[in-house]
Amino acid sequence: MNINRIAILGSGSMGTAILTGLLASGVASEKVTITTKSGDSAKKLADELGVNAIALETNPTANQDAVVGADVVLVAVKPAYVVEVLKEAAGKLEENALVISVAAGITTAAMEAAVPGSVAVVRSMPNTPAIVGRAVTGISTGSRVSDEQLETALELFETVGRVVVLPESQIDALSTISGSGPAYVFYLIEQLTEAAKNMGFGEDIAAMLVEETFAGATELLSASGQAPEDLRRQVTSPNGTTMQAVAVMEKAELSKLFTKATEAALARAKEIAEGR
């Protein structure tokens, strides 16, 4: 991977997931500096992974110090702090550095305005399965990104899953599907588990039945190469039990409910971009 040194600003679940992916791909730990809130978390990352970890708790200039000498800077803080962090670190960024944000709603224009004109920016939207190497990440480039820098961004996110390059106008929409999508799946699992418990299954058995069914169905979908509607029809015998259940869901207009839900998520993403 064409990274001489990378700074990861923020050690939440996404920053740590990408750090783990980078190390697993062969990036040497001494090439990585990560910033954390607490001294305890910095010590843990340094001890367990061998990276240079700097805590804001003991070093208020941790983010500025971390970016010195880094050709890639991954900003993994909450959306509300992205521009603030970039402005703080701007004077220490290397010329021609590549800055990548994983925050929802923060545009490449907003990032470019916060950093020197020689610094390129990429906006990304990975999802939480990055933690287990099964992310879907959408990325879009700012106006200064070279082909080599785009390749670097692709290689970075390929360490935690699959990557798609999109126009920035589609990144917010992607966030409502793959970004928020794991929450929708977990919610469905939660509700089906409750239904199983209401049918008399104990909590442990109900959870196993539902979780293994979702995992098995997803694996079957991936392995079969068939469309989900085709697999659904194979399970849905005419006038059988599954058909009755699907009929109830169709009567409830489940497809429209998903459309309304994703539209609501998209509206909120636009509000975040506007600073609301």
C-alpha atoms as a PDB file:
ATOM      1  CA  MET A   1       0.000   0.000   0.000  1.00  0.00           C
ATOM      2  CA  ASN A   2       1.366   3.409  -0.973  1.00  0.00           C
ATOM      3  CA  ILE A   3       1.312   4.971   2.508  1.00  0.00           C
ATOM      4  CA  ASN A   4       4.548   6.182   4.073  1.00  0.00           C
ATOM      5  CA  ARG A   5       2.881   7.266   7.289  1.00  0.00           C
ATOM      6  CA  ILE A   6      -0.748   7.613   8.337  1.00  0.00           C
ATOM      7  CA  ALA A   7      -2.345   9.600  11.131  1.00  0.00           C
ATOM      8  CA  ILE A   8      -5.736   8.473  12.422  1.00  0.00           C
ATOM      9  CA  LEU A   9      -7.487  11.221  14.348  1.00  0.00           C
ATOM     10  CA  GLY A  10      -9.969   9.509  16.641  1.00  0.00           C
ATOM     11  CA  SER A  11     -10.029   6.014  18.091  1.00  0.00           C
ATOM     12  CA  GLY A  12     -13.738   5.225  18.077  1.00  0.00           C
ATOM     13  CA  SER A  13     -15.105   2.060  16.506  1.00  0.00           C
ATOM     14  CA  MET A  14     -14.499   3.193  12.913  1.00  0.00           C
ATOM     15  CA  GLY A  15     -11.008   4.572  13.457  1.00  0.00           C
ATOM     16  CA  THR A  16     -10.008   1.421  15.327  1.00  0.00           C
ATOM     17  CA  ALA A  17     -11.592  -0.859  12.708  1.00  0.00           C
ATOM     18  CA  ILE A  18      -9.644   0.792   9.907  1.00  0.00           C
ATOM     19  CA  LEU A  19      -6.472   0.702  12.001  1.00  0.00           C
ATOM     20  CA  THR A  20      -6.950  -3.046  12.484  1.00  0.00           C
ATOM     21  CA  GLY A  21      -7.539  -3.533   8.754  1.00  0.00           C
ATOM     22  CA  LEU A  22      -4.423  -1.574   7.854  1.00  0.00           C
ATOM     23  CA  LEU A  23      -2.229  -3.590  10.192  1.00  0.00           C
ATOM     24  CA  ALA A  24      -3.727  -6.862   8.940  1.00  0.00           C
ATOM     25  CA  SER A  25      -2.960  -5.816   5.361  1.00  0.00           C
ATOM     26  CA  GLY A  26       0.717  -5.474   6.183  1.00  0.00           C
ATOM     27  CA  VAL A  27       1.113  -1.793   7.026  1.00  0.00           C
ATOM     28  CA  ALA A  28       3.839  -1.586   9.669  1.00  0.00           C
ATOM     29  CA  SER A  29       2.667  -0.374  13.081  1.00  0.00           C
ATOM     30  CA  GLU A  30       5.485   2.169  13.267  1.00  0.00           C
ATOM     31  CA  LYS A  31       3.925   3.951  10.276  1.00  0.00           C
ATOM     32  CA  VAL A  32       0.728   4.653  12.228  1.00  0.00           C
ATOM     33  CA  THR A  33      -0.078   7.374  14.734  1.00  0.00           C
ATOM     34  CA  ILE A  34      -3.541   7.474  16.310  1.00  0.00           C
ATOM     35  CA  THR A  35      -5.054  10.016  18.668  1.00  0.00           C
ATOM     36  CA  THR A  36      -7.367   9.124  21.530  1.00  0.00           C
ATOM     37  CA  LYS A  37      -9.328  10.960  24.204  1.00  0.00           C
ATOM     38  CA  SER A  38      -7.851   9.217  27.226  1.00  0.00           C
ATOM     39  CA  GLY A  39      -4.413   8.158  28.316  1.00  0.00           C
ATOM     40  CA  ASP A  40      -5.699   4.696  29.140  1.00  0.00           C
ATOM     41  CA  SER A  41      -6.949   4.090  25.588  1.00  0.00           C
ATOM     42  CA  ALA A  42      -3.692   5.411  24.142  1.00  0.00           C
ATOM     43  CA  LYS A  43      -1.683   3.051  26.321  1.00  0.00           C
ATOM     44  CA  LYS A  44      -3.889   0.110  25.379  1.00  0.00           C
ATOM     45  CA  LEU A  45      -3.502   0.742  21.633  1.00  0.00           C
ATOM     46  CA  ALA A  46       0.247   1.221  21.960  1.00  0.00           C
ATOM     47  CA  ASP A  47       0.684  -1.916  24.049  1.00  0.00           C
ATOM     48  CA  GLU A  48      -1.594  -4.180  22.028  1.00  0.00           C
ATOM     49  CA  LEU A  49      -0.935  -2.970  18.468  1.00  0.00           C
ATOM     50  CA  GLY A  50       2.446  -1.291  18.673  1.00  0.00           C
ATOM     51  CA  VAL A  51       1.272   1.976  17.127  1.00  0.00           C
ATOM     52  CA  ASN A  52       2.156   5.453  18.289  1.00  0.00           C
ATOM     53  CA  ALA A  53      -0.880   6.638  20.274  1.00  0.00           C
ATOM     54  CA  ILE A  54      -1.270  10.183  21.620  1.00  0.00           C
ATOM     55  CA  ALA A  55      -3.941  11.119  24.157  1.00  0.00           C
ATOM     56  CA  LEU A  56      -5.702  14.472  24.069  1.00  0.00           C
ATOM     57  CA  GLU A  57      -6.195  14.075  27.803  1.00  0.00           C
ATOM     58  CA  THR A  58      -2.483  14.589  28.406  1.00  0.00           C
ATOM     59  CA  ASN A  59      -1.531  16.373  25.182  1.00  0.00           C
ATOM     60  CA  PRO A  60      -4.015  19.017  23.944  1.00  0.00           C
ATOM     61  CA  THR A  61      -2.096  19.324  20.657  1.00  0.00           C
ATOM     62  CA  ALA A  62      -2.296  15.581  19.944  1.00  0.00           C
ATOM     63  CA  ASN A  63      -4.097  15.981  16.616  1.00  0.00           C
ATOM     64  CA  GLN A  64      -1.631  18.581  15.379  1.00  0.00           C
ATOM     65  CA  ASP A  65       1.346  16.498  16.488  1.00  0.00           C
ATOM     66  CA  ALA A  66      -0.064  13.338  14.888  1.00  0.00           C
ATOM     67  CA  VAL A  67      -0.313  14.754  11.359  1.00  0.00           C
ATOM     68  CA  VAL A  68       3.307  15.902  11.187  1.00  0.00           C
ATOM     69  CA  GLY A  69       5.031  13.798   8.518  1.00  0.00           C
ATOM     70  CA  ALA A  70       1.841  11.920   7.560  1.00  0.00           C
ATOM     71  CA  ASP A  71       1.042  11.624   3.867  1.00  0.00           C
ATOM     72  CA  VAL A  72      -2.435  10.269   4.742  1.00  0.00           C
ATOM     73  CA  VAL A  73      -4.653  11.657   7.506  1.00  0.00           C
ATOM     74  CA  LEU A  74      -7.837   9.782   8.384  1.00  0.00           C
ATOM     75  CA  VAL A  75     -10.282  11.952  10.312  1.00  0.00           C
ATOM     76  CA  ALA A  76     -12.433   9.619  12.400  1.00  0.00           C
ATOM     77  CA  VAL A  77     -14.044  12.052  14.830  1.00  0.00           C
ATOM     78  CA  LYS A  78     -17.754  12.837  15.092  1.00  0.00           C
ATOM     79  CA  PRO A  79     -19.181  14.993  12.268  1.00  0.00           C
ATOM     80  CA  ALA A  80     -19.603  18.050  14.495  1.00  0.00           C
ATOM     81  CA  TYR A  81     -15.834  18.143  15.125  1.00  0.00           C
ATOM     82  CA  VAL A  82     -14.399  17.387  11.676  1.00  0.00           C
ATOM     83  CA  VAL A  83     -13.940  20.945  10.434  1.00  0.00           C
ATOM     84  CA  GLU A  84     -12.714  22.110  13.846  1.00  0.00           C
ATOM     85  CA  VAL A  85     -10.101  19.363  13.981  1.00  0.00           C
ATOM     86  CA  LEU A  86      -8.966  20.072  10.420  1.00  0.00           C
ATOM     87  CA  LYS A  87      -8.575  23.778  11.163  1.00  0.00           C
ATOM     88  CA  GLU A  88      -6.544  22.945  14.263  1.00  0.00           C
ATOM     89  CA  ALA A  89      -4.248  20.617  12.329  1.00  0.00           C
ATOM     90  CA  ALA A  90      -4.086  22.627   9.093  1.00  0.00           C
ATOM     91  CA  GLY A  91      -0.797  24.356   9.852  1.00  0.00           C
ATOM     92  CA  LYS A  92       0.933  21.034  10.546  1.00  0.00           C
ATOM     93  CA  LEU A  93      -0.358  19.101   7.516  1.00  0.00           C
ATOM     94  CA  GLU A  94       2.258  18.001   5.027  1.00  0.00           C
ATOM     95  CA  GLU A  95       2.206  19.560   1.575  1.00  0.00           C
ATOM     96  CA  ASN A  96       0.270  17.259  -0.796  1.00  0.00           C
ATOM     97  CA  ALA A  97      -1.139  15.249   2.109  1.00  0.00           C
ATOM     98  CA  LEU A  98      -4.352  13.281   1.568  1.00  0.00           C
ATOM     99  CA  VAL A  99      -7.089  13.909   4.150  1.00  0.00           C
ATOM    100  CA  ILE A 100      -9.917  11.369   4.372  1.00  0.00           C
ATOM    101  CA  SER A 101     -13.022  11.878   6.478  1.00  0.00           C
ATOM    102  CA  VAL A 102     -15.386   9.091   7.559  1.00  0.00           C
ATOM    103  CA  ALA A 103     -18.012  11.516   8.910  1.00  0.00           C
ATOM    104  CA  ALA A 104     -21.567  11.819   7.624  1.00  0.00           C
ATOM    105  CA  GLY A 105     -22.706  15.110   6.152  1.00  0.00           C
ATOM    106  CA  ILE A 106     -19.342  16.892   5.940  1.00  0.00           C
ATOM    107  CA  THR A 107     -18.719  17.899   2.330  1.00  0.00           C
ATOM    108  CA  THR A 108     -15.411  17.911   0.494  1.00  0.00           C
ATOM    109  CA  ALA A 109     -15.884  21.661  -0.025  1.00  0.00           C
ATOM    110  CA  ALA A 110     -16.105  22.199   3.737  1.00  0.00           C
ATOM    111  CA  MET A 111     -12.968  20.124   4.255  1.00  0.00           C
ATOM    112  CA  GLU A 112     -11.030  21.837   1.459  1.00  0.00           C
ATOM    113  CA  ALA A 113     -11.879  25.219   2.985  1.00  0.00           C
ATOM    114  CA  ALA A 114     -10.329  24.121   6.278  1.00  0.00           C
ATOM    115  CA  VAL A 115      -6.963  22.929   4.923  1.00  0.00           C
ATOM    116  CA  PRO A 116      -4.172  24.422   2.773  1.00  0.00           C
ATOM    117  CA  GLY A 117      -4.661  24.500  -0.996  1.00  0.00           C
ATOM    118  CA  SER A 118      -2.029  21.821  -1.579  1.00  0.00           C
ATOM    119  CA  VAL A 119      -3.916  19.261   0.527  1.00  0.00           C
ATOM    120  CA  ALA A 120      -6.357  16.838  -1.151  1.00  0.00           C
ATOM    121  CA  VAL A 121      -9.508  15.577   0.539  1.00  0.00           C
ATOM    122  CA  VAL A 122     -11.689  12.498   0.194  1.00  0.00           C
ATOM    123  CA  ARG A 123     -15.087  12.006   1.755  1.00  0.00           C
ATOM    124  CA  SER A 124     -15.978   8.455   2.718  1.00  0.00           C
ATOM    125  CA  MET A 125     -18.901   6.589   4.241  1.00  0.00           C
ATOM    126  CA  PRO A 126     -17.913   3.172   5.613  1.00  0.00           C
ATOM    127  CA  ASN A 127     -20.334   1.168   7.732  1.00  0.00           C
ATOM    128  CA  THR A 128     -19.852  -0.629  11.036  1.00  0.00           C
ATOM    129  CA  PRO A 129     -19.183  -4.126   9.593  1.00  0.00           C
ATOM    130  CA  ALA A 130     -15.717  -2.669   8.998  1.00  0.00           C
ATOM    131  CA  ILE A 131     -15.061  -4.023  12.489  1.00  0.00           C
ATOM    132  CA  VAL A 132     -15.226  -7.572  11.069  1.00  0.00           C
ATOM    133  CA  GLY A 133     -13.760  -6.738   7.660  1.00  0.00           C
ATOM    134  CA  ARG A 134     -17.127  -6.717   5.879  1.00  0.00           C
ATOM    135  CA  ALA A 135     -17.706  -3.010   5.316  1.00  0.00           C
ATOM    136  CA  VAL A 136     -19.267  -1.346   2.337  1.00  0.00           C
ATOM    137  CA  THR A 137     -17.600   2.032   1.835  1.00  0.00           C
ATOM    138  CA  GLY A 138     -18.610   4.782  -0.557  1.00  0.00           C
ATOM    139  CA  ILE A 139     -16.001   7.413  -1.380  1.00  0.00           C
ATOM    140  CA  SER A 140     -16.024  10.643  -3.354  1.00  0.00           C
ATOM    141  CA  THR A 141     -13.094  12.863  -4.153  1.00  0.00           C
ATOM    142  CA  GLY A 142     -12.526  16.554  -3.710  1.00  0.00           C
ATOM    143  CA  SER A 143     -11.204  18.790  -6.474  1.00  0.00           C
ATOM    144  CA  ARG A 144      -7.493  18.210  -5.761  1.00  0.00           C
ATOM    145  CA  VAL A 145      -7.229  14.418  -5.596  1.00  0.00           C
ATOM    146  CA  SER A 146      -4.736  12.762  -7.957  1.00  0.00           C
ATOM    147  CA  ASP A 147      -5.195   9.329  -9.484  1.00  0.00           C
ATOM    148  CA  GLU A 148      -2.504   7.998  -7.152  1.00  0.00           C
ATOM    149  CA  GLN A 149      -4.255   9.431  -4.104  1.00  0.00           C
ATOM    150  CA  LEU A 150      -7.563   7.924  -5.195  1.00  0.00           C
ATOM    151  CA  GLU A 151      -5.838   4.551  -5.493  1.00  0.00           C
ATOM    152  CA  THR A 152      -4.450   4.986  -1.982  1.00  0.00           C
ATOM    153  CA  ALA A 153      -7.937   5.705  -0.622  1.00  0.00           C
ATOM    154  CA  LEU A 154      -9.329   2.643  -2.396  1.00  0.00           C
ATOM    155  CA  GLU A 155      -6.585   0.393  -1.026  1.00  0.00           C
ATOM    156  CA  LEU A 156      -7.092   1.756   2.479  1.00  0.00           C
ATOM    157  CA  PHE A 157     -10.806   0.952   2.584  1.00  0.00           C
ATOM    158  CA  GLU A 158     -10.370  -2.372   0.810  1.00  0.00           C
ATOM    159  CA  THR A 159      -8.597  -3.530   3.978  1.00  0.00           C
ATOM    160  CA  VAL A 160     -11.998  -3.519   5.736  1.00  0.00           C
ATOM    161  CA  GLY A 161     -14.354  -4.563   2.920  1.00  0.00           C
ATOM    162  CA  ARG A 162     -15.653  -3.443  -0.460  1.00  0.00           C
ATOM    163  CA  VAL A 163     -15.441   0.059  -1.897  1.00  0.00           C
ATOM    164  CA  VAL A 164     -17.434   2.018  -4.464  1.00  0.00           C
ATOM    165  CA  VAL A 165     -16.471   5.412  -5.928  1.00  0.00           C
ATOM    166  CA  LEU A 166     -19.450   7.734  -6.305  1.00  0.00           C
ATOM    167  CA  PRO A 167     -20.232  11.341  -7.164  1.00  0.00           C
ATOM    168  CA  GLU A 168     -20.483  13.305  -3.942  1.00  0.00           C
ATOM    169  CA  SER A 169     -24.146  13.981  -4.687  1.00  0.00           C
ATOM    170  CA  GLN A 170     -24.795  10.293  -3.962  1.00  0.00           C
ATOM    171  CA  ILE A 171     -22.819   9.912  -0.735  1.00  0.00           C
ATOM    172  CA  ASP A 172     -25.675  11.043   1.518  1.00  0.00           C
ATOM    173  CA  ALA A 173     -28.016   8.612  -0.231  1.00  0.00           C
ATOM    174  CA  LEU A 174     -25.473   5.824   0.227  1.00  0.00           C
ATOM    175  CA  SER A 175     -25.321   6.631   3.934  1.00  0.00           C
ATOM    176  CA  THR A 176     -29.051   5.874   4.230  1.00  0.00           C
ATOM    177  CA  ILE A 177     -28.584   2.424   2.663  1.00  0.00           C
ATOM    178  CA  SER A 178     -25.225   0.893   3.598  1.00  0.00           C
ATOM    179  CA  GLY A 179     -24.296   3.433   6.263  1.00  0.00           C
ATOM    180  CA  SER A 180     -27.474   3.109   8.315  1.00  0.00           C
ATOM    181  CA  GLY A 181     -28.357  -0.306   6.870  1.00  0.00           C
ATOM    182  CA  PRO A 182     -26.780  -2.417   9.629  1.00  0.00           C
ATOM    183  CA  ALA A 183     -29.094  -0.701  12.134  1.00  0.00           C
ATOM    184  CA  TYR A 184     -32.102  -1.670  10.016  1.00  0.00           C
ATOM    185  CA  VAL A 185     -30.935  -5.287   9.988  1.00  0.00           C
ATOM    186  CA  PHE A 186     -30.340  -5.293  13.740  1.00  0.00           C
ATOM    187  CA  TYR A 187     -33.795  -3.801  14.257  1.00  0.00           C
ATOM    188  CA  LEU A 188     -35.388  -6.551  12.163  1.00  0.00           C
ATOM    189  CA  ILE A 189     -33.461  -9.178  14.129  1.00  0.00           C
ATOM    190  CA  GLU A 190     -34.600  -7.544  17.361  1.00  0.00           C
ATOM    191  CA  GLN A 191     -38.257  -7.574  16.303  1.00  0.00           C
ATOM    192  CA  LEU A 192     -38.242 -11.129  14.954  1.00  0.00           C
ATOM    193  CA  THR A 193     -36.576 -12.280  18.177  1.00  0.00           C
ATOM    194  CA  GLU A 194     -39.398 -10.690  20.155  1.00  0.00           C
ATOM    195  CA  ALA A 195     -41.902 -12.501  17.926  1.00  0.00           C
ATOM    196  CA  ALA A 196     -40.119 -15.792  18.654  1.00  0.00           C
ATOM    197  CA  LYS A 197     -40.242 -15.122  22.386  1.00  0.00           C
ATOM    198  CA  ASN A 198     -43.952 -14.351  22.108  1.00  0.00           C
ATOM    199  CA  MET A 199     -44.381 -17.813  20.586  1.00  0.00           C
ATOM    200  CA  GLY A 200     -42.950 -19.384  23.711  1.00  0.00           C
ATOM    201  CA  PHE A 201     -39.247 -19.766  22.918  1.00  0.00           C
ATOM    202  CA  GLY A 202     -36.778 -18.912  25.662  1.00  0.00           C
ATOM    203  CA  GLU A 203     -34.614 -15.844  25.133  1.00  0.00           C
ATOM    204  CA  ASP A 204     -31.423 -17.766  24.257  1.00  0.00           C
ATOM    205  CA  ILE A 205     -33.157 -20.097  21.807  1.00  0.00           C
ATOM    206  CA  ALA A 206     -35.134 -17.240  20.239  1.00  0.00           C
ATOM    207  CA  ALA A 207     -31.925 -15.272  19.696  1.00  0.00           C
ATOM    208  CA  MET A 208     -30.120 -18.279  18.203  1.00  0.00           C
ATOM    209  CA  LEU A 209     -32.999 -19.099  15.845  1.00  0.00           C
ATOM    210  CA  VAL A 210     -33.204 -15.566  14.488  1.00  0.00           C
ATOM    211  CA  GLU A 211     -29.511 -14.688  14.363  1.00  0.00           C
ATOM    212  CA  GLU A 212     -28.516 -17.937  12.659  1.00  0.00           C
ATOM    213  CA  THR A 213     -31.402 -17.592  10.215  1.00  0.00           C
ATOM    214  CA  PHE A 214     -30.253 -14.111   9.191  1.00  0.00           C
ATOM    215  CA  ALA A 215     -26.613 -15.214   8.973  1.00  0.00           C
ATOM    216  CA  GLY A 216     -27.492 -18.322   6.964  1.00  0.00           C
ATOM    217  CA  ALA A 217     -29.824 -16.476   4.611  1.00  0.00           C
ATOM    218  CA  THR A 218     -27.172 -13.827   3.924  1.00  0.00           C
ATOM    219  CA  GLU A 219     -24.530 -16.460   3.273  1.00  0.00           C
ATOM    220  CA  LEU A 220     -26.899 -18.351   0.959  1.00  0.00           C
ATOM    221  CA  LEU A 221     -27.630 -15.147  -0.954  1.00  0.00           C
ATOM    222  CA  SER A 222     -23.915 -14.487  -1.363  1.00  0.00           C
ATOM    223  CA  ALA A 223     -23.040 -18.062  -2.351  1.00  0.00           C
ATOM    224  CA  SER A 224     -25.951 -18.729  -4.696  1.00  0.00           C
ATOM    225  CA  GLY A 225     -25.515 -15.799  -7.042  1.00  0.00           C
ATOM    226  CA  GLN A 226     -29.303 -15.562  -7.226  1.00  0.00           C
ATOM    227  CA  ALA A 227     -31.457 -12.489  -6.689  1.00  0.00           C
ATOM    228  CA  PRO A 228     -33.112 -12.213  -3.255  1.00  0.00           C
ATOM    229  CA  GLU A 229     -36.584 -12.273  -4.790  1.00  0.00           C
ATOM    230  CA  ASP A 230     -35.771 -15.589  -6.493  1.00  0.00           C
ATOM    231  CA  LEU A 231     -34.585 -17.119  -3.222  1.00  0.00           C
ATOM    232  CA  ARG A 232     -37.663 -15.778  -1.454  1.00  0.00           C
ATOM    233  CA  ARG A 233     -39.939 -17.440  -4.017  1.00  0.00           C
ATOM    234  CA  GLN A 234     -38.146 -20.756  -3.483  1.00  0.00           C
ATOM    235  CA  VAL A 235     -39.004 -20.601   0.230  1.00  0.00           C
ATOM    236  CA  THR A 236     -42.555 -19.376  -0.369  1.00  0.00           C
ATOM    237  CA  SER A 237     -44.649 -22.413  -1.285  1.00  0.00           C
ATOM    238  CA  PRO A 238     -48.086 -21.641  -2.817  1.00  0.00           C
ATOM    239  CA  ASN A 239     -50.707 -21.375  -0.068  1.00  0.00           C
ATOM    240  CA  GLY A 240     -48.085 -22.270   2.543  1.00  0.00           C
ATOM    241  CA  THR A 241     -47.139 -20.702   5.847  1.00  0.00           C
ATOM    242  CA  THR A 242     -44.464 -18.395   4.433  1.00  0.00           C
ATOM    243  CA  MET A 243     -46.873 -17.047   1.837  1.00  0.00           C
ATOM    244  CA  GLN A 244     -49.279 -16.070   4.616  1.00  0.00           C
ATOM    245  CA  ALA A 245     -46.531 -14.225   6.502  1.00  0.00           C
ATOM    246  CA  VAL A 246     -45.331 -12.417   3.364  1.00  0.00           C
ATOM    247  CA  ALA A 247     -48.906 -11.441   2.548  1.00  0.00           C
ATOM    248  CA  VAL A 248     -49.199  -9.701   5.936  1.00  0.00           C
ATOM    249  CA  MET A 249     -45.966  -7.798   5.276  1.00  0.00           C
ATOM    250  CA  GLU A 250     -47.137  -6.785   1.819  1.00  0.00           C
ATOM    251  CA  LYS A 251     -50.466  -5.596   3.222  1.00  0.00           C
ATOM    252  CA  ALA A 252     -48.521  -3.447   5.686  1.00  0.00           C
ATOM    253  CA  GLU A 253     -46.688  -1.924   2.651  1.00  0.00           C
ATOM    254  CA  LEU A 254     -43.274  -2.777   4.036  1.00  0.00           C
ATOM    255  CA  SER A 255     -41.579  -1.596   0.838  1.00  0.00           C
ATOM    256  CA  LYS A 256     -43.080   1.879   1.268  1.00  0.00           C
ATOM    257  CA  LEU A 257     -42.003   1.900   4.899  1.00  0.00           C
ATOM    258  CA  PHE A 258     -38.369   1.328   3.893  1.00  0.00           C
ATOM    259  CA  THR A 259     -38.647   4.125   1.330  1.00  0.00           C
ATOM    260  CA  LYS A 260     -40.023   6.506   3.947  1.00  0.00           C
ATOM    261  CA  ALA A 261     -37.333   5.486   6.443  1.00  0.00           C
ATOM    262  CA  THR A 262     -34.452   6.063   4.024  1.00  0.00           C
ATOM    263  CA  GLU A 263     -35.954   9.369   2.891  1.00  0.00           C
ATOM    264  CA  ALA A 264     -36.073  10.496   6.531  1.00  0.00           C
ATOM    265  CA  ALA A 265     -32.432   9.509   6.974  1.00  0.00           C
ATOM    266  CA  LEU A 266     -31.471  11.412   3.810  1.00  0.00           C
ATOM    267  CA  ALA A 267     -33.287  14.521   5.004  1.00  0.00           C
ATOM    268  CA  ARG A 268     -31.339  14.391   8.260  1.00  0.00           C
ATOM    269  CA  ALA A 269     -28.040  13.945   6.387  1.00  0.00           C
ATOM    270  CA  LYS A 270     -28.788  17.149   4.471  1.00  0.00           C
ATOM    271  CA  GLU A 271     -29.541  18.946   7.733  1.00  0.00           C
ATOM    272  CA  ILE A 272     -26.180  17.846   9.130  1.00  0.00           C
ATOM    273  CA  ALA A 273     -24.473  19.174   6.004  1.00  0.00           C
ATOM    274  CA  GLU A 274     -26.184  22.515   6.584  1.00  0.00           C
ATOM    275  CA  GLY A 275     -24.988  22.585  10.187  1.00  0.00           C
ATOM    276  CA  ARG A 276     -28.378  21.956  11.778  1.00  0.00           C
END
